[in-house]
Amino acid sequence: MTNEKQNIMDVIINIMVDKLKVNPDLINEENYDKALTGKVFGLRSLDLMYLFLEIEKQFNVRIDTSKILDYEFNTINGITELILSTEAKSLS
């Protein structure tokens, strides 16, 4: 895993633990592809929206909201890939 990818994941995980109060024991590599709204994490739609807005703010990017509808913004790995991709347009 590249340093950039790990740094992005660290920020996502910090938001989930600090802001959304996700149990840090649940956040491990085997759960990175599990749905954030599924049984493991149990986030609600409002939590996901908060995460979305926090991600845009922290990384200074705009993510196409269609990515939520396409379930690309529903796993830790999915969010990381969106941030790394050209789909997340930098606001700079």
PDB file of N, CA and C in Angstrom:
ATOM      1  N   MET A   1       0.857  -1.175   0.000  1.00  0.00           N
ATOM      2  CA  MET A   1       0.000   0.000   0.000  1.00  0.00           C
ATOM      3  C   MET A   1       0.899   1.234   0.000  1.00  0.00           C
ATOM      4  N   THR A   2       0.539   2.193  -0.837  1.00  0.00           N
ATOM      5  CA  THR A   2       1.334   3.415  -0.923  1.00  0.00           C
ATOM      6  C   THR A   2       1.109   4.285   0.314  1.00  0.00           C
ATOM      7  N   ASN A   3       2.053   5.160   0.555  1.00  0.00           N
ATOM      8  CA  ASN A   3       1.917   6.087   1.683  1.00  0.00           C
ATOM      9  C   ASN A   3       0.700   6.989   1.530  1.00  0.00           C
ATOM     10  N   GLU A   4       0.468   7.459   0.304  1.00  0.00           N
ATOM     11  CA  GLU A   4      -0.677   8.339   0.064  1.00  0.00           C
ATOM     12  C   GLU A   4      -1.992   7.622   0.387  1.00  0.00           C
ATOM     13  N   LYS A   5      -2.099   6.394  -0.075  1.00  0.00           N
ATOM     14  CA  LYS A   5      -3.314   5.611   0.182  1.00  0.00           C
ATOM     15  C   LYS A   5      -3.484   5.374   1.682  1.00  0.00           C
ATOM     16  N   GLN A   6      -2.410   5.041   2.365  1.00  0.00           N
ATOM     17  CA  GLN A   6      -2.482   4.812   3.808  1.00  0.00           C
ATOM     18  C   GLN A   6      -2.857   6.088   4.552  1.00  0.00           C
ATOM     19  N   ASN A   7      -2.322   7.212   4.121  1.00  0.00           N
ATOM     20  CA  ASN A   7      -2.658   8.495   4.751  1.00  0.00           C
ATOM     21  C   ASN A   7      -4.138   8.818   4.588  1.00  0.00           C
ATOM     22  N   ILE A   8      -4.673   8.555   3.404  1.00  0.00           N
ATOM     23  CA  ILE A   8      -6.097   8.792   3.150  1.00  0.00           C
ATOM     24  C   ILE A   8      -6.932   7.891   4.048  1.00  0.00           C
ATOM     25  N   MET A   9      -6.570   6.622   4.120  1.00  0.00           N
ATOM     26  CA  MET A   9      -7.310   5.681   4.977  1.00  0.00           C
ATOM     27  C   MET A   9      -7.249   6.109   6.436  1.00  0.00           C
ATOM     28  N   ASP A  10      -6.103   6.588   6.867  1.00  0.00           N
ATOM     29  CA  ASP A  10      -5.963   7.041   8.257  1.00  0.00           C
ATOM     30  C   ASP A  10      -6.931   8.180   8.568  1.00  0.00           C
ATOM     31  N   VAL A  11      -7.082   9.104   7.630  1.00  0.00           N
ATOM     32  CA  VAL A  11      -8.006  10.227   7.843  1.00  0.00           C
ATOM     33  C   VAL A  11      -9.442   9.717   7.889  1.00  0.00           C
ATOM     34  N   ILE A  12      -9.797   8.840   6.965  1.00  0.00           N
ATOM     35  CA  ILE A  12     -11.161   8.274   6.937  1.00  0.00           C
ATOM     36  C   ILE A  12     -11.445   7.559   8.258  1.00  0.00           C
ATOM     37  N   ILE A  13     -10.510   6.748   8.693  1.00  0.00           N
ATOM     38  CA  ILE A  13     -10.687   5.993   9.934  1.00  0.00           C
ATOM     39  C   ILE A  13     -10.801   6.924  11.133  1.00  0.00           C
ATOM     40  N   ASN A  14      -9.977   7.964  11.167  1.00  0.00           N
ATOM     41  CA  ASN A  14     -10.061   8.932  12.271  1.00  0.00           C
ATOM     42  C   ASN A  14     -11.422   9.605  12.319  1.00  0.00           C
ATOM     43  N   ILE A  15     -11.960   9.969  11.175  1.00  0.00           N
ATOM     44  CA  ILE A  15     -13.294  10.575  11.130  1.00  0.00           C
ATOM     45  C   ILE A  15     -14.327   9.585  11.659  1.00  0.00           C
ATOM     46  N   MET A  16     -14.223   8.339  11.214  1.00  0.00           N
ATOM     47  CA  MET A  16     -15.195   7.331  11.639  1.00  0.00           C
ATOM     48  C   MET A  16     -15.146   7.107  13.149  1.00  0.00           C
ATOM     49  N   VAL A  17     -13.949   7.045  13.704  1.00  0.00           N
ATOM     50  CA  VAL A  17     -13.809   6.777  15.139  1.00  0.00           C
ATOM     51  C   VAL A  17     -14.125   8.016  15.970  1.00  0.00           C
ATOM     52  N   ASP A  18     -13.524   9.153  15.602  1.00  0.00           N
ATOM     53  CA  ASP A  18     -13.663  10.367  16.413  1.00  0.00           C
ATOM     54  C   ASP A  18     -15.021  11.043  16.271  1.00  0.00           C
ATOM     55  N   LYS A  19     -15.518  11.128  15.058  1.00  0.00           N
ATOM     56  CA  LYS A  19     -16.760  11.876  14.810  1.00  0.00           C
ATOM     57  C   LYS A  19     -18.004  10.994  14.826  1.00  0.00           C
ATOM     58  N   LEU A  20     -17.880   9.774  14.275  1.00  0.00           N
ATOM     59  CA  LEU A  20     -19.053   8.906  14.153  1.00  0.00           C
ATOM     60  C   LEU A  20     -19.102   7.834  15.238  1.00  0.00           C
ATOM     61  N   LYS A  21     -18.080   7.807  16.080  1.00  0.00           N
ATOM     62  CA  LYS A  21     -18.014   6.900  17.235  1.00  0.00           C
ATOM     63  C   LYS A  21     -18.077   5.422  16.842  1.00  0.00           C
ATOM     64  N   VAL A  22     -17.452   5.093  15.708  1.00  0.00           N
ATOM     65  CA  VAL A  22     -17.347   3.689  15.291  1.00  0.00           C
ATOM     66  C   VAL A  22     -16.321   3.015  16.204  1.00  0.00           C
ATOM     67  N   ASN A  23     -16.623   1.817  16.630  1.00  0.00           N
ATOM     68  CA  ASN A  23     -15.721   1.051  17.473  1.00  0.00           C
ATOM     69  C   ASN A  23     -14.417   0.792  16.709  1.00  0.00           C
ATOM     70  N   PRO A  24     -13.272   1.273  17.217  1.00  0.00           N
ATOM     71  CA  PRO A  24     -12.004   1.094  16.497  1.00  0.00           C
ATOM     72  C   PRO A  24     -11.617  -0.372  16.287  1.00  0.00           C
ATOM     73  N   ASP A  25     -12.139  -1.275  17.111  1.00  0.00           N
ATOM     74  CA  ASP A  25     -11.840  -2.699  16.938  1.00  0.00           C
ATOM     75  C   ASP A  25     -12.436  -3.261  15.645  1.00  0.00           C
ATOM     76  N   LEU A  26     -13.455  -2.592  15.121  1.00  0.00           N
ATOM     77  CA  LEU A  26     -14.087  -3.043  13.879  1.00  0.00           C
ATOM     78  C   LEU A  26     -13.305  -2.629  12.642  1.00  0.00           C
ATOM     79  N   ILE A  27     -12.442  -1.648  12.814  1.00  0.00           N
ATOM     80  CA  ILE A  27     -11.730  -1.105  11.660  1.00  0.00           C
ATOM     81  C   ILE A  27     -10.413  -1.842  11.495  1.00  0.00           C
ATOM     82  N   ASN A  28     -10.468  -2.849  10.637  1.00  0.00           N
ATOM     83  CA  ASN A  28      -9.281  -3.623  10.299  1.00  0.00           C
ATOM     84  C   ASN A  28      -9.366  -4.007   8.826  1.00  0.00           C
ATOM     85  N   GLU A  29      -8.258  -4.452   8.305  1.00  0.00           N
ATOM     86  CA  GLU A  29      -8.161  -4.688   6.866  1.00  0.00           C
ATOM     87  C   GLU A  29      -9.245  -5.620   6.320  1.00  0.00           C
ATOM     88  N   GLU A  30      -9.670  -6.598   7.092  1.00  0.00           N
ATOM     89  CA  GLU A  30     -10.695  -7.524   6.594  1.00  0.00           C
ATOM     90  C   GLU A  30     -12.062  -6.855   6.445  1.00  0.00           C
ATOM     91  N   ASN A  31     -12.250  -5.698   7.070  1.00  0.00           N
ATOM     92  CA  ASN A  31     -13.522  -4.984   6.971  1.00  0.00           C
ATOM     93  C   ASN A  31     -13.480  -3.787   6.027  1.00  0.00           C
ATOM     94  N   TYR A  32     -12.350  -3.535   5.383  1.00  0.00           N
ATOM     95  CA  TYR A  32     -12.225  -2.365   4.505  1.00  0.00           C
ATOM     96  C   TYR A  32     -13.166  -2.413   3.304  1.00  0.00           C
ATOM     97  N   ASP A  33     -13.641  -3.602   2.919  1.00  0.00           N
ATOM     98  CA  ASP A  33     -14.570  -3.710   1.794  1.00  0.00           C
ATOM     99  C   ASP A  33     -16.002  -3.991   2.243  1.00  0.00           C
ATOM    100  N   LYS A  34     -16.252  -3.940   3.530  1.00  0.00           N
ATOM    101  CA  LYS A  34     -17.608  -4.153   4.063  1.00  0.00           C
ATOM    102  C   LYS A  34     -18.391  -2.842   3.965  1.00  0.00           C
ATOM    103  N   ALA A  35     -19.670  -2.966   3.665  1.00  0.00           N
ATOM    104  CA  ALA A  35     -20.531  -1.785   3.547  1.00  0.00           C
ATOM    105  C   ALA A  35     -20.598  -1.043   4.879  1.00  0.00           C
ATOM    106  N   LEU A  36     -20.391   0.257   4.809  1.00  0.00           N
ATOM    107  CA  LEU A  36     -20.438   1.071   6.028  1.00  0.00           C
ATOM    108  C   LEU A  36     -21.836   1.086   6.636  1.00  0.00           C
ATOM    109  N   THR A  37     -22.841   0.837   5.802  1.00  0.00           N
ATOM    110  CA  THR A  37     -24.222   0.810   6.290  1.00  0.00           C
ATOM    111  C   THR A  37     -24.683  -0.605   6.629  1.00  0.00           C
ATOM    112  N   GLY A  38     -23.777  -1.556   6.531  1.00  0.00           N
ATOM    113  CA  GLY A  38     -24.113  -2.950   6.790  1.00  0.00           C
ATOM    114  C   GLY A  38     -23.995  -3.331   8.254  1.00  0.00           C
ATOM    115  N   LYS A  39     -24.006  -4.641   8.511  1.00  0.00           N
ATOM    116  CA  LYS A  39     -24.007  -5.180   9.870  1.00  0.00           C
ATOM    117  C   LYS A  39     -22.760  -4.821  10.670  1.00  0.00           C
ATOM    118  N   VAL A  40     -21.611  -4.795  10.027  1.00  0.00           N
ATOM    119  CA  VAL A  40     -20.357  -4.573  10.762  1.00  0.00           C
ATOM    120  C   VAL A  40     -20.296  -3.168  11.346  1.00  0.00           C
ATOM    121  N   PHE A  41     -20.459  -2.150  10.499  1.00  0.00           N
ATOM    122  CA  PHE A  41     -20.314  -0.770  10.958  1.00  0.00           C
ATOM    123  C   PHE A  41     -21.644  -0.149  11.395  1.00  0.00           C
ATOM    124  N   GLY A  42     -22.716  -0.504  10.718  1.00  0.00           N
ATOM    125  CA  GLY A  42     -24.047  -0.043  11.094  1.00  0.00           C
ATOM    126  C   GLY A  42     -24.283   1.451  11.009  1.00  0.00           C
ATOM    127  N   LEU A  43     -23.602   2.131  10.087  1.00  0.00           N
ATOM    128  CA  LEU A  43     -23.828   3.565   9.933  1.00  0.00           C
ATOM    129  C   LEU A  43     -25.196   3.828   9.298  1.00  0.00           C
ATOM    130  N   ARG A  44     -25.807   4.899   9.716  1.00  0.00           N
ATOM    131  CA  ARG A  44     -27.087   5.324   9.140  1.00  0.00           C
ATOM    132  C   ARG A  44     -26.818   6.249   7.960  1.00  0.00           C
ATOM    133  N   SER A  45     -27.838   6.530   7.197  1.00  0.00           N
ATOM    134  CA  SER A  45     -27.673   7.413   6.035  1.00  0.00           C
ATOM    135  C   SER A  45     -27.180   8.794   6.462  1.00  0.00           C
ATOM    136  N   LEU A  46     -27.640   9.273   7.596  1.00  0.00           N
ATOM    137  CA  LEU A  46     -27.182  10.568   8.100  1.00  0.00           C
ATOM    138  C   LEU A  46     -25.690  10.525   8.438  1.00  0.00           C
ATOM    139  N   ASP A  47     -25.225   9.405   8.997  1.00  0.00           N
ATOM    140  CA  ASP A  47     -23.797   9.234   9.287  1.00  0.00           C
ATOM    141  C   ASP A  47     -22.982   9.265   8.000  1.00  0.00           C
ATOM    142  N   LEU A  48     -23.492   8.594   6.981  1.00  0.00           N
ATOM    143  CA  LEU A  48     -22.802   8.545   5.694  1.00  0.00           C
ATOM    144  C   LEU A  48     -22.720   9.936   5.070  1.00  0.00           C
ATOM    145  N   MET A  49     -23.789  10.710   5.206  1.00  0.00           N
ATOM    146  CA  MET A  49     -23.785  12.078   4.681  1.00  0.00           C
ATOM    147  C   MET A  49     -22.764  12.929   5.438  1.00  0.00           C
ATOM    148  N   TYR A  50     -22.715  12.774   6.744  1.00  0.00           N
ATOM    149  CA  TYR A  50     -21.735  13.507   7.538  1.00  0.00           C
ATOM    150  C   TYR A  50     -20.314  13.111   7.109  1.00  0.00           C
ATOM    151  N   LEU A  51     -20.081  11.818   6.927  1.00  0.00           N
ATOM    152  CA  LEU A  51     -18.780  11.334   6.485  1.00  0.00           C
ATOM    153  C   LEU A  51     -18.429  11.937   5.125  1.00  0.00           C
ATOM    154  N   PHE A  52     -19.388  11.962   4.236  1.00  0.00           N
ATOM    155  CA  PHE A  52     -19.202  12.533   2.893  1.00  0.00           C
ATOM    156  C   PHE A  52     -18.752  13.987   2.990  1.00  0.00           C
ATOM    157  N   LEU A  53     -19.468  14.781   3.781  1.00  0.00           N
ATOM    158  CA  LEU A  53     -19.137  16.200   3.914  1.00  0.00           C
ATOM    159  C   LEU A  53     -17.782  16.401   4.593  1.00  0.00           C
ATOM    160  N   GLU A  54     -17.490  15.594   5.585  1.00  0.00           N
ATOM    161  CA  GLU A  54     -16.202  15.675   6.289  1.00  0.00           C
ATOM    162  C   GLU A  54     -15.053  15.313   5.360  1.00  0.00           C
ATOM    163  N   ILE A  55     -15.252  14.295   4.519  1.00  0.00           N
ATOM    164  CA  ILE A  55     -14.225  13.879   3.552  1.00  0.00           C
ATOM    165  C   ILE A  55     -13.951  15.021   2.572  1.00  0.00           C
ATOM    166  N   GLU A  56     -15.010  15.616   2.044  1.00  0.00           N
ATOM    167  CA  GLU A  56     -14.819  16.729   1.107  1.00  0.00           C
ATOM    168  C   GLU A  56     -14.062  17.872   1.772  1.00  0.00           C
ATOM    169  N   LYS A  57     -14.391  18.152   3.008  1.00  0.00           N
ATOM    170  CA  LYS A  57     -13.727  19.237   3.741  1.00  0.00           C
ATOM    171  C   LYS A  57     -12.261  18.901   4.036  1.00  0.00           C
ATOM    172  N   GLN A  58     -12.010  17.715   4.567  1.00  0.00           N
ATOM    173  CA  GLN A  58     -10.648  17.319   4.957  1.00  0.00           C
ATOM    174  C   GLN A  58      -9.691  17.247   3.772  1.00  0.00           C
ATOM    175  N   PHE A  59     -10.192  16.758   2.631  1.00  0.00           N
ATOM    176  CA  PHE A  59      -9.329  16.567   1.466  1.00  0.00           C
ATOM    177  C   PHE A  59      -9.470  17.691   0.436  1.00  0.00           C
ATOM    178  N   ASN A  60     -10.342  18.654   0.721  1.00  0.00           N
ATOM    179  CA  ASN A  60     -10.561  19.779  -0.178  1.00  0.00           C
ATOM    180  C   ASN A  60     -10.886  19.290  -1.594  1.00  0.00           C
ATOM    181  N   VAL A  61     -11.861  18.379  -1.671  1.00  0.00           N
ATOM    182  CA  VAL A  61     -12.282  17.801  -2.951  1.00  0.00           C
ATOM    183  C   VAL A  61     -13.802  17.861  -3.070  1.00  0.00           C
ATOM    184  N   ARG A  62     -14.285  17.707  -4.287  1.00  0.00           N
ATOM    185  CA  ARG A  62     -15.712  17.535  -4.570  1.00  0.00           C
ATOM    186  C   ARG A  62     -15.884  16.150  -5.159  1.00  0.00           C
ATOM    187  N   ILE A  63     -16.710  15.348  -4.530  1.00  0.00           N
ATOM    188  CA  ILE A  63     -16.997  14.007  -5.031  1.00  0.00           C
ATOM    189  C   ILE A  63     -18.391  14.029  -5.640  1.00  0.00           C
ATOM    190  N   ASP A  64     -18.498  13.537  -6.845  1.00  0.00           N
ATOM    191  CA  ASP A  64     -19.778  13.475  -7.544  1.00  0.00           C
ATOM    192  C   ASP A  64     -20.764  12.672  -6.695  1.00  0.00           C
ATOM    193  N   THR A  65     -21.910  13.268  -6.375  1.00  0.00           N
ATOM    194  CA  THR A  65     -22.885  12.600  -5.510  1.00  0.00           C
ATOM    195  C   THR A  65     -23.445  11.320  -6.142  1.00  0.00           C
ATOM    196  N   SER A  66     -23.306  11.170  -7.444  1.00  0.00           N
ATOM    197  CA  SER A  66     -23.755   9.923  -8.076  1.00  0.00           C
ATOM    198  C   SER A  66     -22.942   8.735  -7.573  1.00  0.00           C
ATOM    199  N   LYS A  67     -21.762   8.992  -7.043  1.00  0.00           N
ATOM    200  CA  LYS A  67     -20.916   7.920  -6.518  1.00  0.00           C
ATOM    201  C   LYS A  67     -21.554   7.283  -5.283  1.00  0.00           C
ATOM    202  N   ILE A  68     -22.361   8.053  -4.568  1.00  0.00           N
ATOM    203  CA  ILE A  68     -23.095   7.494  -3.426  1.00  0.00           C
ATOM    204  C   ILE A  68     -24.171   6.548  -3.947  1.00  0.00           C
ATOM    205  N   LEU A  69     -24.900   6.994  -4.955  1.00  0.00           N
ATOM    206  CA  LEU A  69     -25.969   6.170  -5.524  1.00  0.00           C
ATOM    207  C   LEU A  69     -25.415   4.893  -6.164  1.00  0.00           C
ATOM    208  N   ASP A  70     -24.187   4.967  -6.666  1.00  0.00           N
ATOM    209  CA  ASP A  70     -23.543   3.802  -7.296  1.00  0.00           C
ATOM    210  C   ASP A  70     -22.803   2.932  -6.272  1.00  0.00           C
ATOM    211  N   TYR A  71     -22.977   3.229  -4.996  1.00  0.00           N
ATOM    212  CA  TYR A  71     -22.358   2.482  -3.891  1.00  0.00           C
ATOM    213  C   TYR A  71     -20.824   2.501  -3.920  1.00  0.00           C
ATOM    214  N   GLU A  72     -20.256   3.515  -4.548  1.00  0.00           N
ATOM    215  CA  GLU A  72     -18.798   3.650  -4.553  1.00  0.00           C
ATOM    216  C   GLU A  72     -18.316   4.338  -3.278  1.00  0.00           C
ATOM    217  N   PHE A  73     -19.230   5.012  -2.584  1.00  0.00           N
ATOM    218  CA  PHE A  73     -18.906   5.705  -1.336  1.00  0.00           C
ATOM    219  C   PHE A  73     -19.535   4.926  -0.186  1.00  0.00           C
ATOM    220  N   ASN A  74     -19.283   3.632  -0.120  1.00  0.00           N
ATOM    221  CA  ASN A  74     -19.921   2.821   0.914  1.00  0.00           C
ATOM    222  C   ASN A  74     -18.972   1.840   1.605  1.00  0.00           C
ATOM    223  N   THR A  75     -17.688   1.931   1.293  1.00  0.00           N
ATOM    224  CA  THR A  75     -16.687   1.119   1.988  1.00  0.00           C
ATOM    225  C   THR A  75     -15.454   1.990   2.210  1.00  0.00           C
ATOM    226  N   ILE A  76     -14.616   1.578   3.129  1.00  0.00           N
ATOM    227  CA  ILE A  76     -13.377   2.334   3.363  1.00  0.00           C
ATOM    228  C   ILE A  76     -12.509   2.315   2.108  1.00  0.00           C
ATOM    229  N   ASN A  77     -12.372   1.151   1.481  1.00  0.00           N
ATOM    230  CA  ASN A  77     -11.592   1.070   0.242  1.00  0.00           C
ATOM    231  C   ASN A  77     -12.222   1.878  -0.881  1.00  0.00           C
ATOM    232  N   GLY A  78     -13.541   1.847  -0.986  1.00  0.00           N
ATOM    233  CA  GLY A  78     -14.233   2.605  -2.027  1.00  0.00           C
ATOM    234  C   GLY A  78     -14.018   4.097  -1.889  1.00  0.00           C
ATOM    235  N   ILE A  79     -14.126   4.593  -0.675  1.00  0.00           N
ATOM    236  CA  ILE A  79     -13.916   6.026  -0.433  1.00  0.00           C
ATOM    237  C   ILE A  79     -12.470   6.403  -0.737  1.00  0.00           C
ATOM    238  N   THR A  80     -11.553   5.552  -0.327  1.00  0.00           N
ATOM    239  CA  THR A  80     -10.133   5.809  -0.590  1.00  0.00           C
ATOM    240  C   THR A  80      -9.876   5.905  -2.079  1.00  0.00           C
ATOM    241  N   GLU A  81     -10.424   4.970  -2.841  1.00  0.00           N
ATOM    242  CA  GLU A  81     -10.228   4.973  -4.296  1.00  0.00           C
ATOM    243  C   GLU A  81     -10.855   6.203  -4.943  1.00  0.00           C
ATOM    244  N   LEU A  82     -12.019   6.625  -4.441  1.00  0.00           N
ATOM    245  CA  LEU A  82     -12.645   7.835  -4.977  1.00  0.00           C
ATOM    246  C   LEU A  82     -11.756   9.054  -4.775  1.00  0.00           C
ATOM    247  N   ILE A  83     -11.180   9.148  -3.600  1.00  0.00           N
ATOM    248  CA  ILE A  83     -10.309  10.290  -3.310  1.00  0.00           C
ATOM    249  C   ILE A  83      -9.065  10.256  -4.200  1.00  0.00           C
ATOM    250  N   LEU A  84      -8.542   9.079  -4.426  1.00  0.00           N
ATOM    251  CA  LEU A  84      -7.352   8.931  -5.266  1.00  0.00           C
ATOM    252  C   LEU A  84      -7.648   9.154  -6.757  1.00  0.00           C
ATOM    253  N   SER A  85      -8.879   8.929  -7.142  1.00  0.00           N
ATOM    254  CA  SER A  85      -9.224   8.980  -8.574  1.00  0.00           C
ATOM    255  C   SER A  85      -9.460  10.405  -9.054  1.00  0.00           C
ATOM    256  N   THR A  86      -9.613  10.523 -10.320  1.00  0.00           N
ATOM    257  CA  THR A  86      -9.899  11.821 -10.911  1.00  0.00           C
ATOM    258  C   THR A  86     -11.355  12.215 -10.677  1.00  0.00           C
ATOM    259  N   GLU A  87     -12.165  11.269 -10.153  1.00  0.00           N
ATOM    260  CA  GLU A  87     -13.564  11.595  -9.887  1.00  0.00           C
ATOM    261  C   GLU A  87     -13.691  12.619  -8.751  1.00  0.00           C
ATOM    262  N   ALA A  88     -12.704  12.652  -7.871  1.00  0.00           N
ATOM    263  CA  ALA A  88     -12.717  13.626  -6.787  1.00  0.00           C
ATOM    264  C   ALA A  88     -11.950  14.844  -7.288  1.00  0.00           C
ATOM    265  N   LYS A  89     -12.672  15.850  -7.645  1.00  0.00           N
ATOM    266  CA  LYS A  89     -12.075  17.049  -8.220  1.00  0.00           C
ATOM    267  C   LYS A  89     -11.557  17.966  -7.117  1.00  0.00           C
ATOM    268  N   SER A  90     -10.297  18.292  -7.211  1.00  0.00           N
ATOM    269  CA  SER A  90      -9.691  19.178  -6.227  1.00  0.00           C
ATOM    270  C   SER A  90     -10.309  20.566  -6.328  1.00  0.00           C
ATOM    271  N   LEU A  91     -10.524  21.177  -5.173  1.00  0.00           N
ATOM    272  CA  LEU A  91     -11.083  22.524  -5.138  1.00  0.00           C
ATOM    273  C   LEU A  91      -9.992  23.587  -5.193  1.00  0.00           C
ATOM    274  N   SER A  92      -8.755  23.165  -5.194  1.00  0.00           N
ATOM    275  CA  SER A  92      -7.644  24.126  -5.209  1.00  0.00           C
ATOM    276  C   SER A  92      -7.546  24.832  -6.533  1.00  0.00           C
TER     277      SER A  92
END
